C-alpha atoms as a PDB file:
ATOM      1  CA  MET A   1       0.000   0.000   0.000  1.00  0.00           C
ATOM      2  CA  GLU A   2       1.311   3.430  -0.886  1.00  0.00           C
ATOM      3  CA  ILE A   3       1.061   6.329   1.522  1.00  0.00           C
ATOM      4  CA  LEU A   4      -0.778   9.272   0.046  1.00  0.00           C
ATOM      5  CA  VAL A   5       1.542  12.261  -0.506  1.00  0.00           C
ATOM      6  CA  ILE A   6      -0.008  15.715  -0.449  1.00  0.00           C
ATOM      7  CA  ASP A   7       1.901  18.763  -1.651  1.00  0.00           C
ATOM      8  CA  PHE A   8       0.812  21.742   0.422  1.00  0.00           C
ATOM      9  CA  ASN A   9       1.993  24.075  -2.354  1.00  0.00           C
ATOM     10  CA  ASP A  10      -1.051  22.795  -4.248  1.00  0.00           C
ATOM     11  CA  LEU A  11      -3.357  24.405  -1.688  1.00  0.00           C
ATOM     12  CA  GLU A  12      -2.693  27.633  -3.559  1.00  0.00           C
ATOM     13  CA  GLY A  13      -3.950  28.153  -7.088  1.00  0.00           C
ATOM     14  CA  GLU A  14      -5.697  25.879  -9.563  1.00  0.00           C
ATOM     15  CA  LYS A  15      -5.025  22.591  -7.739  1.00  0.00           C
ATOM     16  CA  ARG A  16      -6.627  23.752  -4.474  1.00  0.00           C
ATOM     17  CA  ASP A  17      -9.949  21.895  -4.885  1.00  0.00           C
ATOM     18  CA  LYS A  18      -8.231  18.639  -5.877  1.00  0.00           C
ATOM     19  CA  THR A  19      -5.811  18.944  -2.944  1.00  0.00           C
ATOM     20  CA  ILE A  20      -8.638  19.569  -0.469  1.00  0.00           C
ATOM     21  CA  GLU A  21     -10.378  16.460  -1.820  1.00  0.00           C
ATOM     22  CA  LEU A  22      -7.158  14.450  -1.337  1.00  0.00           C
ATOM     23  CA  LEU A  23      -6.954  15.688   2.263  1.00  0.00           C
ATOM     24  CA  HIS A  24     -10.549  14.641   2.858  1.00  0.00           C
ATOM     25  CA  GLN A  25      -9.889  11.167   1.404  1.00  0.00           C
ATOM     26  CA  ALA A  26      -6.727  10.743   3.456  1.00  0.00           C
ATOM     27  CA  TYR A  27      -8.498  11.582   6.717  1.00  0.00           C
ATOM     28  CA  GLU A  28     -11.575   9.535   5.902  1.00  0.00           C
ATOM     29  CA  LYS A  29      -9.940   6.388   4.489  1.00  0.00           C
ATOM     30  CA  TRP A  30      -6.529   6.156   6.164  1.00  0.00           C
ATOM     31  CA  GLY A  31      -6.223   8.730   8.930  1.00  0.00           C
ATOM     32  CA  PHE A  32      -2.730   9.759   7.829  1.00  0.00           C
ATOM     33  CA  PHE A  33      -0.712  10.989   4.861  1.00  0.00           C
ATOM     34  CA  GLN A  34       2.705  12.388   3.989  1.00  0.00           C
ATOM     35  CA  VAL A  35       3.085  16.135   3.479  1.00  0.00           C
ATOM     36  CA  GLU A  36       5.463  17.836   1.085  1.00  0.00           C
ATOM     37  CA  ASN A  37       6.246  21.555   1.093  1.00  0.00           C
ATOM     38  CA  HIS A  38       4.689  22.221   4.489  1.00  0.00           C
ATOM     39  CA  GLY A  39       6.952  25.197   5.124  1.00  0.00           C
ATOM     40  CA  ILE A  40       8.296  24.043   8.507  1.00  0.00           C
ATOM     41  CA  ASP A  41      12.044  24.473   8.781  1.00  0.00           C
ATOM     42  CA  LYS A  42      13.914  21.146   8.828  1.00  0.00           C
ATOM     43  CA  LYS A  43      16.242  22.335  11.596  1.00  0.00           C
ATOM     44  CA  LEU A  44      13.215  23.166  13.735  1.00  0.00           C
ATOM     45  CA  MET A  45      11.718  19.719  13.104  1.00  0.00           C
ATOM     46  CA  GLU A  46      15.002  18.053  14.103  1.00  0.00           C
ATOM     47  CA  LYS A  47      15.154  20.203  17.249  1.00  0.00           C
ATOM     48  CA  VAL A  48      11.608  19.174  18.228  1.00  0.00           C
ATOM     49  CA  LYS A  49      12.419  15.517  17.541  1.00  0.00           C
ATOM     50  CA  GLN A  50      15.569  15.689  19.679  1.00  0.00           C
ATOM     51  CA  LEU A  51      13.739  17.423  22.538  1.00  0.00           C
ATOM     52  CA  VAL A  52      10.809  14.978  22.438  1.00  0.00           C
ATOM     53  CA  ASN A  53      13.206  12.016  22.465  1.00  0.00           C
ATOM     54  CA  SER A  54      15.053  13.533  25.437  1.00  0.00           C
ATOM     55  CA  HIS A  55      11.746  14.085  27.255  1.00  0.00           C
ATOM     56  CA  TYR A  56      10.836  10.432  26.670  1.00  0.00           C
ATOM     57  CA  GLU A  57      14.202   9.162  27.898  1.00  0.00           C
ATOM     58  CA  ASP A  58      14.132  11.325  31.030  1.00  0.00           C
ATOM     59  CA  ASN A  59      10.442  11.185  31.958  1.00  0.00           C
ATOM     60  CA  LEU A  60       8.475   8.451  30.217  1.00  0.00           C
ATOM     61  CA  LYS A  61      10.722   5.505  29.421  1.00  0.00           C
ATOM     62  CA  GLU A  62      11.009   4.071  32.935  1.00  0.00           C
ATOM     63  CA  SER A  63       7.279   4.316  33.611  1.00  0.00           C
ATOM     64  CA  PHE A  64       6.553   2.634  30.282  1.00  0.00           C
ATOM     65  CA  TYR A  65       8.759  -0.351  31.104  1.00  0.00           C
ATOM     66  CA  GLU A  66       6.988  -0.636  34.457  1.00  0.00           C
ATOM     67  CA  SER A  67       3.532  -0.424  32.883  1.00  0.00           C
ATOM     68  CA  GLU A  68       1.117  -3.332  32.682  1.00  0.00           C
ATOM     69  CA  MET A  69       1.308  -3.226  28.893  1.00  0.00           C
ATOM     70  CA  ALA A  70       5.067  -3.810  28.885  1.00  0.00           C
ATOM     71  CA  LYS A  71       4.738  -6.504  31.558  1.00  0.00           C
ATOM     72  CA  ARG A  72       2.078  -8.344  29.512  1.00  0.00           C
ATOM     73  CA  LEU A  73       4.534  -8.557  26.628  1.00  0.00           C
ATOM     74  CA  ASN A  74       6.603 -10.804  28.912  1.00  0.00           C
ATOM     75  CA  ILE A  75       9.935  -9.818  27.407  1.00  0.00           C
ATOM     76  CA  LYS A  76      12.535  -9.984  30.115  1.00  0.00           C
ATOM     77  CA  ASP A  77      15.775  -9.829  28.118  1.00  0.00           C
ATOM     78  CA  ASN A  78      16.450  -7.121  25.562  1.00  0.00           C
ATOM     79  CA  LEU A  79      13.545  -5.020  26.857  1.00  0.00           C
ATOM     80  CA  ASN A  80      15.665  -1.896  26.765  1.00  0.00           C
ATOM     81  CA  ASP A  81      16.849  -2.693  23.228  1.00  0.00           C
ATOM     82  CA  THR A  82      13.327  -2.799  21.861  1.00  0.00           C
ATOM     83  CA  ASP A  83      12.088   0.198  19.907  1.00  0.00           C
ATOM     84  CA  TRP A  84       8.960   1.163  21.837  1.00  0.00           C
ATOM     85  CA  GLU A  85       6.732   4.095  21.214  1.00  0.00           C
ATOM     86  CA  ASN A  86       5.137   6.224  23.863  1.00  0.00           C
ATOM     87  CA  ASN A  87       3.266   9.404  23.241  1.00  0.00           C
ATOM     88  CA  PHE A  88       1.846  12.541  24.670  1.00  0.00           C
ATOM     89  CA  PHE A  89      -0.110  15.264  22.941  1.00  0.00           C
ATOM     90  CA  ILE A  90       0.674  18.935  22.836  1.00  0.00           C
ATOM     91  CA  TRP A  91      -1.944  21.244  21.436  1.00  0.00           C
ATOM     92  CA  HIS A  92      -2.357  24.975  21.280  1.00  0.00           C
ATOM     93  CA  HIS A  93      -5.910  25.505  20.073  1.00  0.00           C
ATOM     94  CA  PRO A  94      -8.329  26.422  21.418  1.00  0.00           C
ATOM     95  CA  LYS A  95      -6.122  26.546  24.535  1.00  0.00           C
ATOM     96  CA  SER A  96      -2.553  25.316  24.991  1.00  0.00           C
ATOM     97  CA  ASN A  97      -1.894  22.339  27.274  1.00  0.00           C
ATOM     98  CA  VAL A  98       1.899  22.797  27.352  1.00  0.00           C
ATOM     99  CA  ASN A  99       1.899  23.793  31.015  1.00  0.00           C
ATOM    100  CA  GLU A 100      -0.110  20.684  31.956  1.00  0.00           C
ATOM    101  CA  ILE A 101       2.527  18.197  30.756  1.00  0.00           C
ATOM    102  CA  THR A 102       4.715  17.260  33.687  1.00  0.00           C
ATOM    103  CA  ASN A 103       8.485  17.593  33.516  1.00  0.00           C
ATOM    104  CA  LEU A 104       8.410  19.106  30.031  1.00  0.00           C
ATOM    105  CA  PHE A 105      11.773  20.727  29.305  1.00  0.00           C
ATOM    106  CA  GLU A 106      11.650  24.491  29.051  1.00  0.00           C
ATOM    107  CA  ASP A 107      13.323  24.293  25.619  1.00  0.00           C
ATOM    108  CA  LEU A 108      10.583  21.952  24.390  1.00  0.00           C
ATOM    109  CA  GLN A 109       7.880  24.246  25.763  1.00  0.00           C
ATOM    110  CA  LEU A 110       9.428  27.220  23.978  1.00  0.00           C
ATOM    111  CA  VAL A 111       9.883  25.383  20.678  1.00  0.00           C
ATOM    112  CA  THR A 112       6.318  24.077  20.658  1.00  0.00           C
ATOM    113  CA  MET A 113       4.949  27.483  21.537  1.00  0.00           C
ATOM    114  CA  ASN A 114       6.877  28.913  18.584  1.00  0.00           C
ATOM    115  CA  LEU A 115       5.386  26.262  16.293  1.00  0.00           C
ATOM    116  CA  SER A 116       1.899  27.477  17.125  1.00  0.00           C
ATOM    117  CA  SER A 117       2.693  31.112  16.341  1.00  0.00           C
END
């Protein structure tokens, strides 16, 4: 299966209606898609990724390995070598929740606040 790729440059001009229809299909049928030309600086994206990974390592990793979900997997050896995913959600609209996330690095708070501006 191919992942739908949507070029955000096409939201301007003659391809706008077709691009909006592609967005609708992606949300309705798959729930995800790849974006090209979104306008977010690559250095900023790398900074956010690094800060989120650091937040996970410092604040979420240990509690995940102690969680019932991890225990049910019954993997005793190599648990720390497994590529797990944990998540938390930061939003800014209608009201930001950045201050509600515990132990969030100040740098990560600042970067995410700048993303919403």
